[in-house]
């Protein structure tokens, strides 16, 4: 029986989201034909082999458990090693449930590539480009997929360019960290006097800040699963009473409502799914991704962002999109593990 290492936590503003996703996956894998290994990463970046209960992960007490043994990565042995005993730990498949930060920007994927172990999800390039919002938008425009009007600035610099952008596009504007997920550090700015405060907030999460024009319309999400043969989930729609889909709304749905399926015409839905598949294929995405668009009041489809490891509880958007087309949560997990192995084998055959 193959052993799957669920890797959770991490040095990320989405640490807590990762814990929730990991708990759901671990619980559901109890009835799937795999052994489960749990590897936790603290917010400080320490890696531990954890053999305690999911309840301790849920309560964020896992790293205090007496079962925890610190591990390090040994690239020469292409495995993990227990720091004290030097025992080699080598799972058959890695399932990184790491959201945002180093989990989705290609850095962790680079580690997995050097370990030469099959892993769930996108590779280095697709992850890195998807996390970098301005680079993603430039890529999208280059392949004929429109994105929201935006510009990038460095922390503490280019403020005159921001003023010029605001004069052209007007308010409100959205100020975002260029590389962060779950809407962390995002502000909606209604007037110039609040602009620099919002830039300061975004700079807590990234030194590069995205300035984005507000889009009048709705947000539509499209989930995709697969490597070469793609399964496209049902589109969902974010409906907001007020404000925007920030971190609080994403995980507590205070005023937001997620409509599944989205209120779309057949033609518009097919157009969105076609654009999502085009982005997925040309970026070289593997395993899964959730691709989010804006559908403007004028009917224009604009790329917003791509999540290469979207929230993964049973009630998260990506699993729900797949549920809507008849693929249940456990099937999603099983498919992702198979896809990880297939992708790894294909890379090996290419090298040979």
C-alpha atoms as a PDB file:
ATOM      1  CA  UNK A   1       0.000   0.000   0.000  1.00  0.00           C
ATOM      2  CA  UNK A   2       1.384   3.395  -0.985  1.00  0.00           C
ATOM      3  CA  UNK A   3       2.093   6.050   1.625  1.00  0.00           C
ATOM      4  CA  UNK A   4       0.851   9.592   1.056  1.00  0.00           C
ATOM      5  CA  UNK A   5       2.400  12.447   3.025  1.00  0.00           C
ATOM      6  CA  UNK A   6      -0.105  15.212   3.726  1.00  0.00           C
ATOM      7  CA  UNK A   7       1.988  18.368   4.156  1.00  0.00           C
ATOM      8  CA  UNK A   8       0.221  21.186   5.993  1.00  0.00           C
ATOM      9  CA  UNK A   9       0.814  24.503   7.737  1.00  0.00           C
ATOM     10  CA  UNK A  10       3.682  26.559   6.396  1.00  0.00           C
ATOM     11  CA  UNK A  11       5.177  30.025   6.499  1.00  0.00           C
ATOM     12  CA  UNK A  12       2.132  31.729   5.061  1.00  0.00           C
ATOM     13  CA  UNK A  13      -0.669  34.115   5.931  1.00  0.00           C
ATOM     14  CA  UNK A  14      -2.949  31.199   4.993  1.00  0.00           C
ATOM     15  CA  UNK A  15      -1.561  28.842   7.633  1.00  0.00           C
ATOM     16  CA  UNK A  16      -4.954  28.399   9.323  1.00  0.00           C
ATOM     17  CA  UNK A  17      -6.661  27.659   6.008  1.00  0.00           C
ATOM     18  CA  UNK A  18      -4.095  24.932   5.374  1.00  0.00           C
ATOM     19  CA  UNK A  19      -4.899  23.270   8.700  1.00  0.00           C
ATOM     20  CA  UNK A  20      -8.606  23.132   7.852  1.00  0.00           C
ATOM     21  CA  UNK A  21      -7.940  21.654   4.423  1.00  0.00           C
ATOM     22  CA  UNK A  22      -5.522  19.075   5.826  1.00  0.00           C
ATOM     23  CA  UNK A  23      -7.979  17.901   8.491  1.00  0.00           C
ATOM     24  CA  UNK A  24     -10.661  17.283   5.859  1.00  0.00           C
ATOM     25  CA  UNK A  25      -8.293  15.376   3.571  1.00  0.00           C
ATOM     26  CA  UNK A  26      -6.819  13.225   6.352  1.00  0.00           C
ATOM     27  CA  UNK A  27     -10.259  12.265   7.680  1.00  0.00           C
ATOM     28  CA  UNK A  28     -11.509  11.302   4.228  1.00  0.00           C
ATOM     29  CA  UNK A  29      -8.395   9.289   3.448  1.00  0.00           C
ATOM     30  CA  UNK A  30      -9.200   6.917   6.307  1.00  0.00           C
ATOM     31  CA  UNK A  31     -11.438   4.974   3.924  1.00  0.00           C
ATOM     32  CA  UNK A  32      -9.126   5.219   0.897  1.00  0.00           C
ATOM     33  CA  UNK A  33      -6.539   2.541   0.139  1.00  0.00           C
ATOM     34  CA  UNK A  34      -3.438   4.533   1.144  1.00  0.00           C
ATOM     35  CA  UNK A  35      -1.330   4.889   4.270  1.00  0.00           C
ATOM     36  CA  UNK A  36      -1.327   8.474   5.537  1.00  0.00           C
ATOM     37  CA  UNK A  37       1.760  10.246   6.838  1.00  0.00           C
ATOM     38  CA  UNK A  38       1.352  13.713   8.348  1.00  0.00           C
ATOM     39  CA  UNK A  39       4.076  16.323   7.915  1.00  0.00           C
ATOM     40  CA  UNK A  40       3.463  19.695   9.524  1.00  0.00           C
ATOM     41  CA  UNK A  41       5.342  22.933   8.953  1.00  0.00           C
ATOM     42  CA  UNK A  42       5.167  25.551  11.689  1.00  0.00           C
ATOM     43  CA  UNK A  43       4.681  29.234  10.986  1.00  0.00           C
ATOM     44  CA  UNK A  44       8.394  29.625  11.740  1.00  0.00           C
ATOM     45  CA  UNK A  45       9.311  27.056   9.094  1.00  0.00           C
ATOM     46  CA  UNK A  46      10.179  23.988  11.185  1.00  0.00           C
ATOM     47  CA  UNK A  47       9.161  20.652   9.653  1.00  0.00           C
ATOM     48  CA  UNK A  48       7.824  17.826  11.835  1.00  0.00           C
ATOM     49  CA  UNK A  49       6.630  14.290  11.347  1.00  0.00           C
ATOM     50  CA  UNK A  50       3.368  14.327  13.312  1.00  0.00           C
ATOM     51  CA  UNK A  51       1.557  11.179  14.428  1.00  0.00           C
ATOM     52  CA  UNK A  52      -1.165  12.725  16.583  1.00  0.00           C
ATOM     53  CA  UNK A  53      -4.864  13.245  15.924  1.00  0.00           C
ATOM     54  CA  UNK A  54      -6.557  15.582  13.470  1.00  0.00           C
ATOM     55  CA  UNK A  55      -8.201  17.276  16.447  1.00  0.00           C
ATOM     56  CA  UNK A  56      -4.802  18.677  17.414  1.00  0.00           C
ATOM     57  CA  UNK A  57      -4.296  19.976  13.897  1.00  0.00           C
ATOM     58  CA  UNK A  58      -7.745  21.552  13.999  1.00  0.00           C
ATOM     59  CA  UNK A  59      -6.926  23.314  17.275  1.00  0.00           C
ATOM     60  CA  UNK A  60      -3.430  24.255  16.060  1.00  0.00           C
ATOM     61  CA  UNK A  61      -1.829  22.304  18.904  1.00  0.00           C
ATOM     62  CA  UNK A  62      -0.244  19.675  16.699  1.00  0.00           C
ATOM     63  CA  UNK A  63       3.323  20.983  17.049  1.00  0.00           C
ATOM     64  CA  UNK A  64       3.116  20.561  20.850  1.00  0.00           C
ATOM     65  CA  UNK A  65       2.292  16.863  20.547  1.00  0.00           C
ATOM     66  CA  UNK A  66       4.858  14.459  21.976  1.00  0.00           C
ATOM     67  CA  UNK A  67       4.732  12.440  18.754  1.00  0.00           C
ATOM     68  CA  UNK A  68       6.351  15.271  16.789  1.00  0.00           C
ATOM     69  CA  UNK A  69       9.835  14.605  15.482  1.00  0.00           C
ATOM     70  CA  UNK A  70      11.684  17.279  13.568  1.00  0.00           C
ATOM     71  CA  UNK A  71      12.617  16.329  10.033  1.00  0.00           C
ATOM     72  CA  UNK A  72      14.944  17.802   7.449  1.00  0.00           C
ATOM     73  CA  UNK A  73      15.147  17.427   3.695  1.00  0.00           C
ATOM     74  CA  UNK A  74      18.095  15.374   2.441  1.00  0.00           C
ATOM     75  CA  UNK A  75      18.474  16.022  -1.271  1.00  0.00           C
ATOM     76  CA  UNK A  76      21.344  13.543  -1.622  1.00  0.00           C
ATOM     77  CA  UNK A  77      19.147  10.728  -0.303  1.00  0.00           C
ATOM     78  CA  UNK A  78      16.077  12.204  -2.028  1.00  0.00           C
ATOM     79  CA  UNK A  79      14.084  11.801   1.156  1.00  0.00           C
ATOM     80  CA  UNK A  80      13.151  13.320   4.491  1.00  0.00           C
ATOM     81  CA  UNK A  81      15.324  12.422   7.471  1.00  0.00           C
ATOM     82  CA  UNK A  82      14.459  12.489  11.178  1.00  0.00           C
ATOM     83  CA  UNK A  83      16.803  15.106  12.583  1.00  0.00           C
ATOM     84  CA  UNK A  84      17.785  13.190  15.726  1.00  0.00           C
ATOM     85  CA  UNK A  85      17.741   9.521  14.731  1.00  0.00           C
ATOM     86  CA  UNK A  86      18.727  10.109  11.078  1.00  0.00           C
ATOM     87  CA  UNK A  87      16.021   7.638  10.062  1.00  0.00           C
ATOM     88  CA  UNK A  88      15.031   8.032   6.409  1.00  0.00           C
ATOM     89  CA  UNK A  89      11.404   8.892   5.686  1.00  0.00           C
ATOM     90  CA  UNK A  90      10.339   8.544   2.057  1.00  0.00           C
ATOM     91  CA  UNK A  91       6.623   8.613   1.217  1.00  0.00           C
ATOM     92  CA  UNK A  92       5.429   7.450  -2.188  1.00  0.00           C
ATOM     93  CA  UNK A  93       3.367  10.568  -2.921  1.00  0.00           C
ATOM     94  CA  UNK A  94       3.362  14.087  -1.493  1.00  0.00           C
ATOM     95  CA  UNK A  95       0.090  15.965  -1.061  1.00  0.00           C
ATOM     96  CA  UNK A  96       1.044  19.556  -0.191  1.00  0.00           C
ATOM     97  CA  UNK A  97      -2.013  21.267   1.284  1.00  0.00           C
ATOM     98  CA  UNK A  98      -0.125  24.542   1.454  1.00  0.00           C
ATOM     99  CA  UNK A  99      -2.032  27.682   0.523  1.00  0.00           C
ATOM    100  CA  UNK A 100      -0.463  30.974  -0.512  1.00  0.00           C
ATOM    101  CA  UNK A 101       3.087  32.090   0.232  1.00  0.00           C
ATOM    102  CA  UNK A 102       5.775  29.497  -0.257  1.00  0.00           C
ATOM    103  CA  UNK A 103       3.163  26.797  -0.774  1.00  0.00           C
ATOM    104  CA  UNK A 104       1.912  28.059  -4.132  1.00  0.00           C
ATOM    105  CA  UNK A 105       4.705  30.209  -5.568  1.00  0.00           C
ATOM    106  CA  UNK A 106       6.889  27.445  -6.988  1.00  0.00           C
ATOM    107  CA  UNK A 107       9.409  27.326  -4.135  1.00  0.00           C
ATOM    108  CA  UNK A 108       7.972  24.224  -2.476  1.00  0.00           C
ATOM    109  CA  UNK A 109       7.442  22.582  -5.845  1.00  0.00           C
ATOM    110  CA  UNK A 110      11.166  23.045  -6.488  1.00  0.00           C
ATOM    111  CA  UNK A 111      11.921  21.123  -3.302  1.00  0.00           C
ATOM    112  CA  UNK A 112       9.627  18.296  -4.376  1.00  0.00           C
ATOM    113  CA  UNK A 113      11.228  18.155  -7.818  1.00  0.00           C
ATOM    114  CA  UNK A 114      14.679  17.795  -6.260  1.00  0.00           C
ATOM    115  CA  UNK A 115      13.352  15.035  -3.997  1.00  0.00           C
ATOM    116  CA  UNK A 116      12.068  13.284  -7.133  1.00  0.00           C
ATOM    117  CA  UNK A 117       8.843  12.225  -5.384  1.00  0.00           C
ATOM    118  CA  UNK A 118       5.436  12.456  -7.105  1.00  0.00           C
ATOM    119  CA  UNK A 119       3.399  15.356  -5.737  1.00  0.00           C
ATOM    120  CA  UNK A 120      -0.128  16.657  -6.129  1.00  0.00           C
ATOM    121  CA  UNK A 121      -0.602  19.896  -7.999  1.00  0.00           C
ATOM    122  CA  UNK A 122       1.112  22.247 -10.408  1.00  0.00           C
ATOM    123  CA  UNK A 123       4.832  22.386 -11.059  1.00  0.00           C
ATOM    124  CA  UNK A 124       7.303  25.194 -10.490  1.00  0.00           C
ATOM    125  CA  UNK A 125       6.499  27.379 -13.492  1.00  0.00           C
ATOM    126  CA  UNK A 126       2.708  27.221 -13.352  1.00  0.00           C
ATOM    127  CA  UNK A 127       2.703  27.828  -9.600  1.00  0.00           C
ATOM    128  CA  UNK A 128       5.149  30.739  -9.782  1.00  0.00           C
ATOM    129  CA  UNK A 129       3.326  32.551 -12.583  1.00  0.00           C
ATOM    130  CA  UNK A 130      -0.111  31.966 -11.058  1.00  0.00           C
ATOM    131  CA  UNK A 131       0.952  33.410  -7.707  1.00  0.00           C
ATOM    132  CA  UNK A 132       2.507  36.488  -9.321  1.00  0.00           C
ATOM    133  CA  UNK A 133      -0.602  38.471 -10.228  1.00  0.00           C
ATOM    134  CA  UNK A 134       0.955  40.977 -12.617  1.00  0.00           C
ATOM    135  CA  UNK A 135       2.961  38.280 -14.408  1.00  0.00           C
ATOM    136  CA  UNK A 136      -0.169  36.138 -14.693  1.00  0.00           C
ATOM    137  CA  UNK A 137      -2.126  39.012 -16.206  1.00  0.00           C
ATOM    138  CA  UNK A 138       0.656  39.713 -18.694  1.00  0.00           C
ATOM    139  CA  UNK A 139       0.720  36.027 -19.643  1.00  0.00           C
ATOM    140  CA  UNK A 140      -3.059  35.979 -20.063  1.00  0.00           C
ATOM    141  CA  UNK A 141      -3.040  39.041 -22.307  1.00  0.00           C
ATOM    142  CA  UNK A 142      -0.283  37.463 -24.421  1.00  0.00           C
ATOM    143  CA  UNK A 143      -2.442  34.403 -25.146  1.00  0.00           C
ATOM    144  CA  UNK A 144      -5.577  36.404 -25.827  1.00  0.00           C
ATOM    145  CA  UNK A 145      -7.351  36.271 -22.464  1.00  0.00           C
ATOM    146  CA  UNK A 146      -8.194  39.725 -21.156  1.00  0.00           C
ATOM    147  CA  UNK A 147      -7.520  40.671 -17.540  1.00  0.00           C
ATOM    148  CA  UNK A 148      -8.444  43.526 -15.237  1.00  0.00           C
ATOM    149  CA  UNK A 149      -6.576  46.831 -15.836  1.00  0.00           C
ATOM    150  CA  UNK A 150      -3.739  46.973 -13.308  1.00  0.00           C
ATOM    151  CA  UNK A 151      -0.250  48.203 -12.551  1.00  0.00           C
ATOM    152  CA  UNK A 152       2.562  47.172 -10.214  1.00  0.00           C
ATOM    153  CA  UNK A 153       4.626  49.300  -7.838  1.00  0.00           C
ATOM    154  CA  UNK A 154       7.484  48.623  -5.458  1.00  0.00           C
ATOM    155  CA  UNK A 155       7.011  49.354  -1.767  1.00  0.00           C
ATOM    156  CA  UNK A 156       7.732  53.025  -1.098  1.00  0.00           C
ATOM    157  CA  UNK A 157       8.277  53.827  -4.782  1.00  0.00           C
ATOM    158  CA  UNK A 158       6.367  54.856  -7.902  1.00  0.00           C
ATOM    159  CA  UNK A 159       3.681  56.737  -5.969  1.00  0.00           C
ATOM    160  CA  UNK A 160       3.366  59.278  -8.775  1.00  0.00           C
ATOM    161  CA  UNK A 161       2.461  56.404 -11.113  1.00  0.00           C
ATOM    162  CA  UNK A 162      -0.324  55.433  -8.722  1.00  0.00           C
ATOM    163  CA  UNK A 163      -1.728  58.957  -8.892  1.00  0.00           C
ATOM    164  CA  UNK A 164      -1.600  58.825 -12.685  1.00  0.00           C
ATOM    165  CA  UNK A 165      -3.326  55.415 -12.736  1.00  0.00           C
ATOM    166  CA  UNK A 166      -6.058  56.749 -10.436  1.00  0.00           C
ATOM    167  CA  UNK A 167      -6.627  59.757 -12.691  1.00  0.00           C
ATOM    168  CA  UNK A 168      -7.071  57.497 -15.723  1.00  0.00           C
ATOM    169  CA  UNK A 169      -9.258  54.820 -14.146  1.00  0.00           C
ATOM    170  CA  UNK A 170     -10.841  56.702 -11.242  1.00  0.00           C
ATOM    171  CA  UNK A 171     -11.954  55.295  -7.901  1.00  0.00           C
ATOM    172  CA  UNK A 172     -12.645  52.854  -6.396  1.00  0.00           C
ATOM    173  CA  UNK A 173      -9.361  50.987  -6.807  1.00  0.00           C
ATOM    174  CA  UNK A 174      -8.223  47.711  -5.300  1.00  0.00           C
ATOM    175  CA  UNK A 175      -4.814  47.545  -3.668  1.00  0.00           C
ATOM    176  CA  UNK A 176      -3.362  44.033  -3.374  1.00  0.00           C
ATOM    177  CA  UNK A 177      -0.096  42.319  -2.482  1.00  0.00           C
ATOM    178  CA  UNK A 178       1.246  41.020  -5.788  1.00  0.00           C
ATOM    179  CA  UNK A 179       1.890  37.580  -4.298  1.00  0.00           C
ATOM    180  CA  UNK A 180      -0.630  36.592  -1.634  1.00  0.00           C
ATOM    181  CA  UNK A 181      -3.734  34.444  -1.563  1.00  0.00           C
ATOM    182  CA  UNK A 182      -7.110  34.375   0.206  1.00  0.00           C
ATOM    183  CA  UNK A 183      -7.488  38.141  -0.284  1.00  0.00           C
ATOM    184  CA  UNK A 184      -4.981  38.883   2.482  1.00  0.00           C
ATOM    185  CA  UNK A 185      -3.866  42.512   2.560  1.00  0.00           C
ATOM    186  CA  UNK A 186      -6.437  43.671   0.002  1.00  0.00           C
ATOM    187  CA  UNK A 187      -8.168  47.026   0.378  1.00  0.00           C
ATOM    188  CA  UNK A 188     -10.900  48.729  -1.572  1.00  0.00           C
ATOM    189  CA  UNK A 189     -10.019  52.415  -1.859  1.00  0.00           C
ATOM    190  CA  UNK A 190     -12.820  54.897  -2.488  1.00  0.00           C
ATOM    191  CA  UNK A 191     -10.798  58.118  -2.321  1.00  0.00           C
ATOM    192  CA  UNK A 192      -7.240  59.346  -2.774  1.00  0.00           C
ATOM    193  CA  UNK A 193      -6.802  60.123   0.932  1.00  0.00           C
ATOM    194  CA  UNK A 194      -7.024  56.390   1.739  1.00  0.00           C
ATOM    195  CA  UNK A 195      -4.720  55.242  -1.043  1.00  0.00           C
ATOM    196  CA  UNK A 196      -1.389  55.267   0.774  1.00  0.00           C
ATOM    197  CA  UNK A 197      -2.797  53.623   3.889  1.00  0.00           C
ATOM    198  CA  UNK A 198      -3.993  50.764   1.677  1.00  0.00           C
ATOM    199  CA  UNK A 199      -0.566  50.509   0.046  1.00  0.00           C
ATOM    200  CA  UNK A 200       1.015  50.262   3.503  1.00  0.00           C
ATOM    201  CA  UNK A 201      -1.400  47.448   4.403  1.00  0.00           C
ATOM    202  CA  UNK A 202      -0.614  45.506   1.231  1.00  0.00           C
ATOM    203  CA  UNK A 203       3.121  45.968   1.780  1.00  0.00           C
ATOM    204  CA  UNK A 204       2.866  43.895   4.984  1.00  0.00           C
ATOM    205  CA  UNK A 205       2.420  40.860   2.746  1.00  0.00           C
ATOM    206  CA  UNK A 206       4.617  41.699  -0.245  1.00  0.00           C
ATOM    207  CA  UNK A 207       7.114  44.350  -1.334  1.00  0.00           C
ATOM    208  CA  UNK A 208       5.414  44.515  -4.733  1.00  0.00           C
ATOM    209  CA  UNK A 209       1.901  45.934  -4.766  1.00  0.00           C
ATOM    210  CA  UNK A 210      -0.796  45.604  -7.414  1.00  0.00           C
ATOM    211  CA  UNK A 211      -3.080  48.541  -8.165  1.00  0.00           C
ATOM    212  CA  UNK A 212      -6.246  47.356  -9.886  1.00  0.00           C
ATOM    213  CA  UNK A 213      -9.248  49.076 -11.397  1.00  0.00           C
ATOM    214  CA  UNK A 214     -12.617  48.083  -9.960  1.00  0.00           C
ATOM    215  CA  UNK A 215     -14.651  45.888 -12.269  1.00  0.00           C
ATOM    216  CA  UNK A 216     -18.413  46.315 -12.323  1.00  0.00           C
ATOM    217  CA  UNK A 217     -19.835  42.827 -12.479  1.00  0.00           C
ATOM    218  CA  UNK A 218     -19.668  39.459 -10.726  1.00  0.00           C
ATOM    219  CA  UNK A 219     -16.883  36.997  -9.933  1.00  0.00           C
ATOM    220  CA  UNK A 220     -17.116  33.586 -11.588  1.00  0.00           C
ATOM    221  CA  UNK A 221     -14.962  30.630 -10.545  1.00  0.00           C
ATOM    222  CA  UNK A 222     -14.053  27.634 -12.680  1.00  0.00           C
ATOM    223  CA  UNK A 223     -12.445  24.499 -11.222  1.00  0.00           C
ATOM    224  CA  UNK A 224     -10.305  22.193 -13.358  1.00  0.00           C
ATOM    225  CA  UNK A 225      -8.888  18.766 -12.511  1.00  0.00           C
ATOM    226  CA  UNK A 226      -6.450  16.839 -14.686  1.00  0.00           C
ATOM    227  CA  UNK A 227      -3.128  16.746 -16.519  1.00  0.00           C
ATOM    228  CA  UNK A 228      -3.747  16.253 -20.242  1.00  0.00           C
ATOM    229  CA  UNK A 229      -7.370  15.115 -20.067  1.00  0.00           C
ATOM    230  CA  UNK A 230      -9.223  17.865 -18.208  1.00  0.00           C
ATOM    231  CA  UNK A 231     -12.355  17.633 -16.100  1.00  0.00           C
ATOM    232  CA  UNK A 232     -14.063  21.007 -15.749  1.00  0.00           C
ATOM    233  CA  UNK A 233     -16.259  21.536 -12.708  1.00  0.00           C
ATOM    234  CA  UNK A 234     -19.445  23.572 -12.584  1.00  0.00           C
ATOM    235  CA  UNK A 235     -18.882  27.345 -12.495  1.00  0.00           C
ATOM    236  CA  UNK A 236     -19.805  29.184  -9.311  1.00  0.00           C
ATOM    237  CA  UNK A 237     -20.629  32.837  -8.726  1.00  0.00           C
ATOM    238  CA  UNK A 238     -19.816  35.170  -5.852  1.00  0.00           C
ATOM    239  CA  UNK A 239     -22.758  37.322  -4.834  1.00  0.00           C
ATOM    240  CA  UNK A 240     -21.962  40.172  -2.426  1.00  0.00           C
ATOM    241  CA  UNK A 241     -24.415  42.380  -0.600  1.00  0.00           C
ATOM    242  CA  UNK A 242     -21.696  44.942   0.097  1.00  0.00           C
ATOM    243  CA  UNK A 243     -17.942  45.358  -0.137  1.00  0.00           C
ATOM    244  CA  UNK A 244     -15.744  42.732  -1.778  1.00  0.00           C
ATOM    245  CA  UNK A 245     -14.705  39.123  -1.380  1.00  0.00           C
ATOM    246  CA  UNK A 246     -12.006  39.585   1.274  1.00  0.00           C
ATOM    247  CA  UNK A 247     -10.506  37.021   3.670  1.00  0.00           C
ATOM    248  CA  UNK A 248     -13.384  37.346   6.136  1.00  0.00           C
ATOM    249  CA  UNK A 249     -15.977  36.815   3.418  1.00  0.00           C
ATOM    250  CA  UNK A 250     -14.130  33.878   1.843  1.00  0.00           C
ATOM    251  CA  UNK A 251     -14.140  31.832   5.022  1.00  0.00           C
ATOM    252  CA  UNK A 252     -17.122  33.127   7.005  1.00  0.00           C
ATOM    253  CA  UNK A 253     -19.546  34.333   4.284  1.00  0.00           C
ATOM    254  CA  UNK A 254     -20.769  37.293   6.345  1.00  0.00           C
ATOM    255  CA  UNK A 255     -22.572  39.053   3.478  1.00  0.00           C
ATOM    256  CA  UNK A 256     -21.407  36.918   0.556  1.00  0.00           C
ATOM    257  CA  UNK A 257     -23.295  34.098  -1.059  1.00  0.00           C
ATOM    258  CA  UNK A 258     -21.792  31.497  -3.360  1.00  0.00           C
ATOM    259  CA  UNK A 259     -24.175  30.534  -6.142  1.00  0.00           C
ATOM    260  CA  UNK A 260     -23.599  27.073  -7.593  1.00  0.00           C
ATOM    261  CA  UNK A 261     -24.221  26.776 -10.447  1.00  0.00           C
ATOM    262  CA  UNK A 262     -23.526  30.349 -11.495  1.00  0.00           C
ATOM    263  CA  UNK A 263     -26.284  32.341 -13.160  1.00  0.00           C
ATOM    264  CA  UNK A 264     -24.854  32.174 -16.669  1.00  0.00           C
ATOM    265  CA  UNK A 265     -26.160  31.611 -20.149  1.00  0.00           C
ATOM    266  CA  UNK A 266     -24.925  28.403 -21.771  1.00  0.00           C
ATOM    267  CA  UNK A 267     -22.800  30.391 -24.235  1.00  0.00           C
ATOM    268  CA  UNK A 268     -21.190  32.521 -21.524  1.00  0.00           C
ATOM    269  CA  UNK A 269     -20.479  29.498 -19.341  1.00  0.00           C
ATOM    270  CA  UNK A 270     -18.842  27.666 -22.247  1.00  0.00           C
ATOM    271  CA  UNK A 271     -16.758  30.747 -23.072  1.00  0.00           C
ATOM    272  CA  UNK A 272     -15.513  31.006 -19.478  1.00  0.00           C
ATOM    273  CA  UNK A 273     -14.699  27.296 -19.336  1.00  0.00           C
ATOM    274  CA  UNK A 274     -12.891  27.497 -22.679  1.00  0.00           C
ATOM    275  CA  UNK A 275     -10.744  30.396 -21.435  1.00  0.00           C
ATOM    276  CA  UNK A 276     -10.051  28.536 -18.179  1.00  0.00           C
ATOM    277  CA  UNK A 277      -8.889  25.439 -20.062  1.00  0.00           C
ATOM    278  CA  UNK A 278      -6.716  27.545 -22.356  1.00  0.00           C
ATOM    279  CA  UNK A 279      -4.987  29.184 -19.390  1.00  0.00           C
ATOM    280  CA  UNK A 280      -4.602  25.850 -17.585  1.00  0.00           C
ATOM    281  CA  UNK A 281      -3.032  24.106 -20.582  1.00  0.00           C
ATOM    282  CA  UNK A 282      -0.721  26.903 -21.718  1.00  0.00           C
ATOM    283  CA  UNK A 283       0.498  27.584 -18.175  1.00  0.00           C
ATOM    284  CA  UNK A 284       1.257  23.878 -17.845  1.00  0.00           C
ATOM    285  CA  UNK A 285      -0.977  23.380 -14.816  1.00  0.00           C
ATOM    286  CA  UNK A 286      -1.202  19.853 -13.429  1.00  0.00           C
ATOM    287  CA  UNK A 287      -3.541  18.187 -10.973  1.00  0.00           C
ATOM    288  CA  UNK A 288      -5.915  21.005 -10.164  1.00  0.00           C
ATOM    289  CA  UNK A 289      -6.553  24.723 -10.166  1.00  0.00           C
ATOM    290  CA  UNK A 290      -9.404  27.138  -9.605  1.00  0.00           C
ATOM    291  CA  UNK A 291      -9.454  29.926 -12.155  1.00  0.00           C
ATOM    292  CA  UNK A 292     -11.409  33.042 -11.219  1.00  0.00           C
ATOM    293  CA  UNK A 293     -12.809  35.557 -13.666  1.00  0.00           C
ATOM    294  CA  UNK A 294     -14.861  38.725 -13.576  1.00  0.00           C
ATOM    295  CA  UNK A 295     -17.928  38.880 -15.780  1.00  0.00           C
ATOM    296  CA  UNK A 296     -18.535  42.584 -16.294  1.00  0.00           C
ATOM    297  CA  UNK A 297     -21.916  44.250 -16.573  1.00  0.00           C
ATOM    298  CA  UNK A 298     -21.112  44.642 -20.288  1.00  0.00           C
ATOM    299  CA  UNK A 299     -20.614  40.890 -20.678  1.00  0.00           C
ATOM    300  CA  UNK A 300     -16.815  40.987 -20.912  1.00  0.00           C
ATOM    301  CA  UNK A 301     -14.816  38.131 -19.340  1.00  0.00           C
ATOM    302  CA  UNK A 302     -11.679  39.239 -17.473  1.00  0.00           C
ATOM    303  CA  UNK A 303      -9.182  37.031 -15.665  1.00  0.00           C
ATOM    304  CA  UNK A 304      -8.852  37.787 -11.959  1.00  0.00           C
ATOM    305  CA  UNK A 305      -6.554  35.095 -10.523  1.00  0.00           C
ATOM    306  CA  UNK A 306      -5.561  31.433 -10.507  1.00  0.00           C
ATOM    307  CA  UNK A 307      -5.318  29.340  -7.347  1.00  0.00           C
ATOM    308  CA  UNK A 308      -3.099  26.295  -7.876  1.00  0.00           C
ATOM    309  CA  UNK A 309      -3.976  24.886  -4.445  1.00  0.00           C
ATOM    310  CA  UNK A 310      -7.439  26.261  -3.658  1.00  0.00           C
ATOM    311  CA  UNK A 311      -9.166  25.795  -0.312  1.00  0.00           C
ATOM    312  CA  UNK A 312      -9.797  22.087   0.163  1.00  0.00           C
ATOM    313  CA  UNK A 313     -12.334  21.438   2.886  1.00  0.00           C
ATOM    314  CA  UNK A 314     -15.432  19.482   1.893  1.00  0.00           C
ATOM    315  CA  UNK A 315     -17.338  22.762   1.610  1.00  0.00           C
ATOM    316  CA  UNK A 316     -14.649  24.756  -0.200  1.00  0.00           C
ATOM    317  CA  UNK A 317     -15.397  26.097  -3.652  1.00  0.00           C
ATOM    318  CA  UNK A 318     -13.243  23.703  -5.687  1.00  0.00           C
ATOM    319  CA  UNK A 319     -14.617  20.452  -4.203  1.00  0.00           C
ATOM    320  CA  UNK A 320     -18.159  21.824  -4.445  1.00  0.00           C
ATOM    321  CA  UNK A 321     -17.652  22.619  -8.143  1.00  0.00           C
ATOM    322  CA  UNK A 322     -16.585  19.019  -8.708  1.00  0.00           C
ATOM    323  CA  UNK A 323     -19.422  17.658  -6.561  1.00  0.00           C
ATOM    324  CA  UNK A 324     -21.862  19.483  -8.809  1.00  0.00           C
ATOM    325  CA  UNK A 325     -20.747  17.381 -11.800  1.00  0.00           C
ATOM    326  CA  UNK A 326     -20.897  14.127  -9.819  1.00  0.00           C
ATOM    327  CA  UNK A 327     -17.374  13.768  -8.401  1.00  0.00           C
ATOM    328  CA  UNK A 328     -17.429  13.413  -4.613  1.00  0.00           C
ATOM    329  CA  UNK A 329     -14.707  14.540  -2.206  1.00  0.00           C
ATOM    330  CA  UNK A 330     -12.988  11.161  -1.892  1.00  0.00           C
ATOM    331  CA  UNK A 331     -12.992  10.700  -5.662  1.00  0.00           C
ATOM    332  CA  UNK A 332     -11.289  14.081  -6.041  1.00  0.00           C
ATOM    333  CA  UNK A 333      -8.541  13.001  -3.632  1.00  0.00           C
ATOM    334  CA  UNK A 334      -8.073   9.639  -5.340  1.00  0.00           C
ATOM    335  CA  UNK A 335      -7.936  11.255  -8.771  1.00  0.00           C
ATOM    336  CA  UNK A 336      -5.355  13.795  -7.629  1.00  0.00           C
ATOM    337  CA  UNK A 337      -3.099  11.066  -6.251  1.00  0.00           C
ATOM    338  CA  UNK A 338      -3.308   9.113  -9.510  1.00  0.00           C
ATOM    339  CA  UNK A 339      -2.603  12.283 -11.500  1.00  0.00           C
ATOM    340  CA  UNK A 340       0.460  13.013  -9.340  1.00  0.00           C
ATOM    341  CA  UNK A 341       1.959   9.605 -10.101  1.00  0.00           C
ATOM    342  CA  UNK A 342       1.102   9.829 -13.805  1.00  0.00           C
ATOM    343  CA  UNK A 343       2.718  13.258 -14.101  1.00  0.00           C
ATOM    344  CA  UNK A 344       5.866  12.038 -12.346  1.00  0.00           C
ATOM    345  CA  UNK A 345       6.115   8.960 -14.568  1.00  0.00           C
ATOM    346  CA  UNK A 346       5.714  11.087 -17.675  1.00  0.00           C
ATOM    347  CA  UNK A 347       8.558  13.369 -16.556  1.00  0.00           C
ATOM    348  CA  UNK A 348      10.781  10.339 -15.935  1.00  0.00           C
ATOM    349  CA  UNK A 349      10.027   8.913 -19.376  1.00  0.00           C
ATOM    350  CA  UNK A 350      10.855  12.276 -20.944  1.00  0.00           C
ATOM    351  CA  UNK A 351      14.212  12.368 -19.142  1.00  0.00           C
ATOM    352  CA  UNK A 352      15.010   8.804 -20.201  1.00  0.00           C
END
